[in-house]
N, C-alpha and C. Protein backbone atom coordinates (compact mmCIF):
# COMPACT_ATOMS: atom_id res chain seq x y z
N MET A 1 1.44 10.91 -35.31
CA MET A 1 2.32 10.00 -35.44
C MET A 1 2.57 9.75 -34.07
N HIS A 2 2.85 10.86 -33.00
CA HIS A 2 2.70 10.67 -31.70
C HIS A 2 1.47 10.00 -30.93
N ASP A 3 0.47 10.28 -31.19
CA ASP A 3 -1.00 9.57 -31.01
C ASP A 3 -0.90 8.34 -31.07
N LYS A 4 -0.53 7.94 -32.36
CA LYS A 4 -0.45 6.49 -32.70
C LYS A 4 0.50 5.64 -31.53
N MET A 5 1.77 6.35 -31.49
CA MET A 5 2.46 5.67 -30.43
C MET A 5 1.77 5.41 -29.53
N TYR A 6 1.42 6.89 -28.85
CA TYR A 6 0.62 6.72 -27.23
C TYR A 6 -0.43 5.66 -27.10
N GLU A 7 -1.18 5.14 -28.39
CA GLU A 7 -2.26 4.72 -28.30
C GLU A 7 -1.67 3.08 -28.11
N LYS A 8 -0.34 2.90 -29.13
CA LYS A 8 0.03 1.82 -28.84
C LYS A 8 0.53 1.34 -27.31
N ALA A 9 0.96 2.57 -26.77
CA ALA A 9 2.12 2.21 -25.67
C ALA A 9 0.68 1.70 -24.59
N GLU A 10 -0.20 2.44 -24.37
CA GLU A 10 -1.43 2.21 -23.85
C GLU A 10 -1.92 0.75 -23.86
N GLU A 11 -1.95 0.22 -24.77
CA GLU A 11 -2.43 -1.10 -25.08
C GLU A 11 -1.58 -1.75 -24.78
N ILE A 12 -0.23 -1.75 -24.80
CA ILE A 12 0.90 -2.31 -24.47
C ILE A 12 0.67 -2.59 -22.81
N VAL A 13 0.49 -1.21 -22.26
CA VAL A 13 0.48 -1.39 -20.43
C VAL A 13 -1.16 -2.13 -19.97
N ALA A 14 -1.81 -1.88 -21.21
CA ALA A 14 -3.13 -2.46 -20.38
C ALA A 14 -2.93 -4.03 -20.39
N VAL A 15 -2.10 -4.73 -21.54
CA VAL A 15 -2.03 -5.93 -21.50
C VAL A 15 -1.14 -6.40 -20.18
N ILE A 16 0.02 -5.65 -20.14
CA ILE A 16 0.70 -5.65 -19.07
C ILE A 16 0.00 -5.97 -17.71
N LYS A 17 -1.16 -5.19 -17.47
CA LYS A 17 -1.85 -5.36 -16.50
C LYS A 17 -2.39 -6.75 -16.14
N ASN A 18 -2.71 -7.49 -17.27
CA ASN A 18 -3.78 -8.84 -17.00
C ASN A 18 -2.67 -10.08 -17.26
N GLU A 19 -1.38 -9.68 -17.39
CA GLU A 19 -0.06 -10.41 -17.56
C GLU A 19 0.56 -11.13 -16.40
N THR A 20 0.98 -12.35 -16.42
CA THR A 20 1.46 -12.90 -15.33
C THR A 20 2.91 -13.51 -15.30
N ASP A 21 2.97 -14.06 -17.19
CA ASP A 21 4.23 -14.48 -17.49
C ASP A 21 5.43 -13.44 -17.68
N TRP A 22 6.40 -13.39 -16.71
CA TRP A 22 7.14 -12.12 -16.57
C TRP A 22 8.08 -12.00 -17.76
N ASN A 23 8.65 -13.38 -18.57
CA ASN A 23 9.38 -13.35 -19.90
C ASN A 23 8.12 -12.43 -20.92
N LYS A 24 6.92 -12.37 -20.57
CA LYS A 24 6.41 -11.86 -21.81
C LYS A 24 6.24 -10.31 -21.27
N ILE A 25 6.49 -10.28 -19.95
CA ILE A 25 6.54 -8.82 -19.39
C ILE A 25 7.47 -8.08 -19.82
N GLU A 26 8.65 -8.65 -19.76
CA GLU A 26 10.00 -8.45 -20.54
C GLU A 26 9.92 -7.80 -22.04
N LYS A 27 9.23 -8.66 -22.53
CA LYS A 27 9.15 -8.60 -24.22
C LYS A 27 8.54 -7.16 -24.14
N TYR A 28 7.06 -6.94 -23.24
CA TYR A 28 6.29 -5.64 -23.46
C TYR A 28 6.83 -4.42 -23.36
N LEU A 29 7.53 -4.57 -22.24
CA LEU A 29 8.66 -3.30 -21.58
C LEU A 29 9.69 -3.20 -22.68
N ARG A 30 10.23 -3.78 -23.48
CA ARG A 30 11.29 -3.85 -24.74
C ARG A 30 10.59 -2.97 -25.80
N GLN A 31 9.22 -3.16 -25.58
CA GLN A 31 8.38 -2.58 -27.10
C GLN A 31 8.21 -1.20 -26.27
N LEU A 32 7.94 -1.14 -24.90
CA LEU A 32 7.49 0.12 -24.97
C LEU A 32 8.67 1.35 -25.01
N GLN A 33 10.05 0.39 -24.81
CA GLN A 33 11.47 1.16 -25.16
C GLN A 33 11.46 1.75 -26.69
N GLU A 34 11.22 0.44 -27.38
CA GLU A 34 11.25 0.90 -29.06
C GLU A 34 10.29 1.94 -29.18
N LEU A 35 9.11 2.38 -28.42
CA LEU A 35 8.52 3.26 -28.87
C LEU A 35 8.77 4.43 -28.49
N ALA A 36 9.71 4.55 -27.56
CA ALA A 36 10.34 5.63 -27.23
C ALA A 36 9.65 6.25 -25.79
N VAL A 37 8.60 5.74 -25.31
CA VAL A 37 7.95 6.30 -24.12
C VAL A 37 8.13 5.80 -22.76
N LEU A 38 9.35 4.70 -22.82
CA LEU A 38 10.02 4.12 -21.60
C LEU A 38 11.63 4.08 -21.78
N SER A 39 11.97 4.84 -20.70
CA SER A 39 13.52 4.74 -21.07
C SER A 39 14.03 3.71 -21.34
N PRO A 40 15.28 3.72 -22.25
CA PRO A 40 16.06 2.24 -22.73
C PRO A 40 17.12 1.81 -21.53
N THR A 41 17.26 2.71 -20.64
CA THR A 41 17.97 2.36 -19.92
C THR A 41 17.32 1.34 -18.29
N LEU A 42 16.17 1.43 -18.30
CA LEU A 42 15.25 0.60 -17.24
C LEU A 42 15.48 -0.76 -17.78
N GLU A 43 15.70 -1.68 -16.61
CA GLU A 43 15.91 -3.04 -16.71
C GLU A 43 15.10 -3.93 -15.92
N LEU A 44 14.02 -4.78 -16.25
CA LEU A 44 13.56 -5.53 -15.43
C LEU A 44 14.63 -6.82 -14.87
N ARG A 45 14.20 -7.05 -13.62
CA ARG A 45 15.34 -8.15 -12.75
C ARG A 45 14.66 -8.81 -11.99
N LYS A 46 15.07 -9.75 -12.08
CA LYS A 46 14.12 -11.41 -10.93
C LYS A 46 15.08 -10.52 -9.80
N GLU A 47 14.72 -10.73 -8.73
CA GLU A 47 15.41 -10.20 -7.23
C GLU A 47 15.26 -11.72 -6.79
N LYS A 48 16.35 -12.09 -5.71
CA LYS A 48 16.45 -13.48 -5.15
C LYS A 48 15.41 -13.66 -4.24
N SER A 49 14.60 -12.60 -3.94
CA SER A 49 12.92 -12.93 -3.32
C SER A 49 11.90 -13.76 -4.19
N GLY A 50 12.64 -13.64 -5.51
CA GLY A 50 11.26 -14.12 -6.30
C GLY A 50 10.55 -12.84 -7.08
N LYS A 51 10.65 -11.68 -6.27
CA LYS A 51 10.06 -10.87 -6.89
C LYS A 51 10.54 -10.21 -8.05
N HIS A 52 10.00 -9.20 -9.02
CA HIS A 52 10.49 -8.72 -9.96
C HIS A 52 10.63 -6.81 -9.74
N SER A 53 11.67 -6.46 -10.08
CA SER A 53 11.88 -4.77 -9.99
C SER A 53 12.45 -4.10 -11.18
N LEU A 54 11.95 -3.23 -11.20
CA LEU A 54 12.78 -1.87 -12.07
C LEU A 54 12.76 -0.89 -11.99
N ALA A 55 13.93 -0.16 -11.88
CA ALA A 55 14.45 1.02 -10.94
C ALA A 55 14.60 0.72 -9.78
N GLY A 56 14.75 0.00 -9.02
CA GLY A 56 14.95 -0.60 -7.91
C GLY A 56 13.42 -0.50 -7.04
N LEU A 57 12.25 -0.56 -7.84
CA LEU A 57 11.15 -0.67 -7.26
C LEU A 57 10.60 -2.54 -7.68
N ASN A 58 9.95 -2.90 -6.67
CA ASN A 58 9.69 -4.28 -6.53
C ASN A 58 8.09 -4.56 -6.65
N PHE A 59 8.04 -5.62 -7.56
CA PHE A 59 6.49 -5.96 -8.31
C PHE A 59 6.74 -7.62 -7.99
N THR A 60 5.11 -7.79 -7.31
CA THR A 60 4.47 -8.88 -7.43
C THR A 60 3.71 -9.41 -8.53
N ASP A 61 2.94 -8.29 -9.52
CA ASP A 61 2.53 -8.97 -10.79
C ASP A 61 2.40 -7.73 -11.43
N GLY A 62 1.84 -8.03 -12.61
CA GLY A 62 1.92 -7.11 -13.93
C GLY A 62 1.23 -6.20 -13.22
N LYS A 63 0.20 -6.35 -12.68
CA LYS A 63 -0.89 -5.17 -12.61
C LYS A 63 -0.38 -3.75 -11.68
N LYS A 64 0.41 -4.22 -10.90
CA LYS A 64 1.19 -3.33 -9.90
C LYS A 64 2.30 -2.37 -10.89
N LEU A 65 2.89 -3.27 -12.01
CA LEU A 65 3.97 -2.92 -12.76
C LEU A 65 3.51 -1.65 -13.71
N ALA A 66 2.05 -2.08 -14.21
CA ALA A 66 1.27 -1.21 -15.17
C ALA A 66 0.58 -0.02 -14.34
N GLU A 67 0.25 0.08 -13.38
CA GLU A 67 -0.03 1.21 -12.67
C GLU A 67 1.28 2.18 -12.54
N VAL A 68 2.24 1.38 -12.19
CA VAL A 68 3.61 2.60 -11.91
C VAL A 68 4.20 2.97 -13.54
N LEU A 69 3.81 2.21 -14.27
CA LEU A 69 4.46 2.52 -15.80
C LEU A 69 3.32 4.03 -15.89
N GLU A 70 2.16 3.54 -15.66
CA GLU A 70 1.27 4.54 -16.29
C GLU A 70 1.29 6.09 -15.43
N LYS A 71 1.71 5.56 -14.39
CA LYS A 71 2.12 7.24 -13.28
C LYS A 71 3.38 7.54 -13.65
N TYR A 72 4.31 6.59 -13.51
CA TYR A 72 5.84 7.45 -13.39
C TYR A 72 6.45 7.25 -14.90
N TRP A 73 6.49 6.48 -15.49
CA TRP A 73 7.42 6.46 -16.63
C TRP A 73 7.23 6.20 -17.89
N VAL A 74 5.87 6.14 -18.32
CA VAL A 74 5.43 6.52 -19.74
C VAL A 74 5.83 7.95 -19.65
N ASN A 75 6.54 8.61 -20.64
CA ASN A 75 6.66 9.85 -20.78
C ASN A 75 5.81 10.90 -20.71
N GLN A 76 5.45 11.28 -20.10
CA GLN A 76 4.23 12.22 -19.53
C GLN A 76 4.29 13.57 -20.32
N VAL A 77 5.12 14.40 -20.20
CA VAL A 77 5.69 15.65 -21.15
C VAL A 77 5.29 15.26 -22.20
N MET A 78 6.20 14.31 -23.12
CA MET A 78 5.86 13.82 -24.48
C MET A 78 4.33 13.95 -24.97
N LYS A 79 3.66 12.80 -23.96
CA LYS A 79 2.28 12.40 -24.08
C LYS A 79 1.67 13.77 -24.00
N ASP A 80 1.69 14.51 -23.25
CA ASP A 80 0.73 15.84 -22.74
C ASP A 80 0.90 16.91 -24.30
N ASN A 81 2.13 16.79 -25.08
CA ASN A 81 2.61 17.88 -26.14
C ASN A 81 1.48 17.14 -27.04
N CYS A 82 1.61 15.86 -27.08
CA CYS A 82 0.68 15.04 -28.09
C CYS A 82 -0.56 15.73 -28.28
N TRP A 83 -1.41 15.90 -27.16
CA TRP A 83 -2.78 16.07 -27.27
C TRP A 83 -3.08 17.25 -27.82
């Protein structure tokens, strides 16, 4: 079950890398939260500068956001235990 969950999460993150529509990115983040690989307390916000932020980090595009998601927020401990 967990393998499928992380396969789906990796697919979602891959889509975020190429996405430019922040409304769609927000929906993808909610999907990651529903899969329990991303904390439900994280919220994507649009800053006055026009950038978007997640947990205080600013992003200009989906590619940078996806890189950070892969590195820090997808629950690595749980993922490691599944393999």
